[in-house]
Amino acid sequence: PVLQVRQVVGEELFTLRQSEADAEAARALQEKYTREAEQQQVQGRFQCPLCLDYARRDEAIELDCDHKICAPCFGAYLESKILDAQVAEDELICPIPNCRKEITVLQVEGAVAGTPLWDKFLQFRARLWQP
């Protein structure tokens, strides 16, 4: 059937119609995504830029650069950085691409205080200290 349509309407017109259909499908998907995002915002939720899941705004970790990350992603990010001993000010930064804002000691403490991860963080940070 597609070959018959191409023969009847011509290759160029067929390609044009197919492109229009693709563009319409893309617009419909974008509109659906926008509606879902707006609905989530109304419900007090945000989309984590790392895992792309929706989380409650009051459970977000907001960094000094104003980026919001869900608590599980922030915890996993800190765990990875600390276990790799990447705790220097220029290494422990916002995980959002192209954002180089430092994650503060207070933010790390708020997320991992009272755990072995906090002790490891302090040990690695102490090794970096220079008088």
Protein backbone atom coordinates (compact mmCIF):
# COMPACT_ATOMS: atom_id res chain seq x y z
CA PRO A 1 0.00 0.00 0.00
CA VAL A 2 2.81 2.49 0.76
CA LEU A 3 4.36 1.91 -2.65
CA GLN A 4 0.99 2.49 -4.31
CA VAL A 5 0.54 5.77 -2.39
CA ARG A 6 4.01 6.89 -3.43
CA GLN A 7 3.25 6.14 -7.06
CA VAL A 8 -0.07 8.00 -6.94
CA VAL A 9 1.03 11.16 -5.11
CA GLY A 10 4.64 11.23 -6.14
CA GLU A 11 7.77 10.73 -4.08
CA GLU A 12 8.21 14.38 -3.06
CA LEU A 13 4.65 14.83 -1.87
CA PHE A 14 4.80 11.51 -0.01
CA THR A 15 8.02 12.57 1.75
CA LEU A 16 6.48 15.94 2.63
CA ARG A 17 3.37 14.28 4.09
CA GLN A 18 5.52 11.84 6.08
CA SER A 19 7.61 14.72 7.48
CA GLU A 20 4.45 16.57 8.48
CA ALA A 21 3.13 13.47 10.23
CA ASP A 22 6.44 13.04 12.09
CA ALA A 23 6.42 16.70 13.14
CA GLU A 24 2.82 16.40 14.36
CA ALA A 25 3.68 13.31 16.40
CA ALA A 26 6.65 15.13 17.95
CA ARG A 27 4.43 18.12 18.82
CA ALA A 28 1.85 15.84 20.42
CA LEU A 29 4.50 14.13 22.55
CA GLN A 30 5.94 17.48 23.63
CA GLU A 31 2.49 18.77 24.59
CA LYS A 32 1.83 15.60 26.60
CA TYR A 33 5.16 15.98 28.41
CA THR A 34 4.46 19.66 29.13
CA ARG A 35 0.99 18.86 30.52
CA GLU A 36 2.43 16.12 32.75
CA ALA A 37 5.18 18.43 34.02
CA GLU A 38 2.67 21.20 34.77
CA GLN A 39 0.41 18.75 36.59
CA GLN A 40 3.32 17.52 38.71
CA GLN A 41 4.25 21.12 39.61
CA VAL A 42 0.69 21.81 40.70
CA GLN A 43 0.87 18.72 42.91
CA GLY A 44 4.04 20.03 44.59
CA ARG A 45 6.41 17.73 42.77
CA PHE A 46 9.52 18.27 40.66
CA GLN A 47 11.45 16.15 38.19
CA CYS A 48 14.91 15.19 39.37
CA PRO A 49 17.35 16.08 36.57
CA LEU A 50 19.47 13.01 37.33
CA CYS A 51 17.03 10.09 37.51
CA LEU A 52 14.12 11.90 35.78
CA ASP A 53 11.68 10.62 38.42
CA TYR A 54 9.19 12.93 40.08
CA ALA A 55 9.68 13.63 43.77
CA ARG A 56 7.97 15.85 46.31
CA ARG A 57 9.40 19.37 46.43
CA ASP A 58 9.67 19.25 50.21
CA GLU A 59 11.95 16.21 49.89
CA ALA A 60 14.28 17.86 47.38
CA ILE A 61 17.87 18.68 48.12
CA GLU A 62 18.39 22.25 46.93
CA LEU A 63 22.01 23.15 46.34
CA ASP A 64 23.50 26.65 46.57
CA CYS A 65 23.26 26.91 42.77
CA ASP A 66 19.45 26.45 43.09
CA HIS A 67 19.51 23.03 41.41
CA LYS A 68 17.09 20.58 43.02
CA ILE A 69 17.93 16.88 43.23
CA CYS A 70 15.96 14.05 44.81
CA ALA A 71 17.40 12.78 48.08
CA PRO A 72 18.24 9.27 46.79
CA CYS A 73 20.24 10.70 43.86
CA PHE A 74 22.04 13.18 46.10
CA GLY A 75 22.91 10.42 48.57
CA ALA A 76 24.18 8.13 45.81
CA TYR A 77 26.23 10.96 44.30
CA LEU A 78 27.82 11.80 47.66
CA GLU A 79 28.52 8.14 48.36
CA SER A 80 30.28 7.76 45.02
CA LYS A 81 32.36 10.91 45.48
CA ILE A 82 33.33 10.12 49.08
CA LEU A 83 34.24 6.48 48.40
CA ASP A 84 36.42 7.66 45.50
CA ALA A 85 38.05 10.23 47.85
CA GLN A 86 36.88 13.07 45.60
CA VAL A 87 36.10 15.47 48.42
CA ALA A 88 38.21 18.51 47.53
CA GLU A 89 36.28 21.73 46.94
CA ASP A 90 36.83 21.51 43.18
CA GLU A 91 35.80 17.83 43.07
CA LEU A 92 32.68 17.81 45.22
CA ILE A 93 30.51 19.95 42.98
CA CYS A 94 26.92 20.04 41.75
CA PRO A 95 26.28 16.97 39.59
CA ILE A 96 24.36 18.94 36.97
CA PRO A 97 26.45 19.24 33.77
CA ASN A 98 28.26 22.57 33.34
CA CYS A 99 27.51 23.62 36.92
CA ARG A 100 30.66 23.87 38.99
CA LYS A 101 29.14 25.14 42.24
CA GLU A 102 30.71 23.55 45.31
CA ILE A 103 28.68 21.27 47.57
CA THR A 104 29.31 22.60 51.06
CA VAL A 105 30.45 20.65 54.10
CA LEU A 106 27.13 21.51 55.76
CA GLN A 107 25.22 19.97 52.85
CA VAL A 108 27.33 16.82 53.05
CA GLU A 109 26.85 16.70 56.81
CA GLY A 110 23.09 17.10 56.45
CA ALA A 111 22.96 14.14 54.09
CA VAL A 112 25.39 11.67 55.68
CA ALA A 113 26.06 12.75 59.30
CA GLY A 114 26.11 9.86 61.75
CA THR A 115 27.08 7.32 59.11
CA PRO A 116 30.42 5.71 58.23
CA LEU A 117 30.32 7.81 55.07
CA TRP A 118 30.52 11.00 57.16
CA ASP A 119 33.56 9.64 59.02
CA LYS A 120 35.23 8.76 55.71
CA PHE A 121 34.44 12.23 54.34
CA LEU A 122 36.06 13.86 57.37
CA GLN A 123 39.14 11.63 57.08
CA PHE A 124 39.63 12.45 53.41
CA ARG A 125 38.99 16.15 53.99
CA ALA A 126 41.53 16.20 56.86
CA ARG A 127 44.18 14.78 54.52
CA LEU A 128 43.60 17.72 52.19
CA TRP A 129 44.03 20.34 54.91
CA GLN A 130 47.09 22.53 54.62
CA PRO A 131 48.14 25.11 57.23
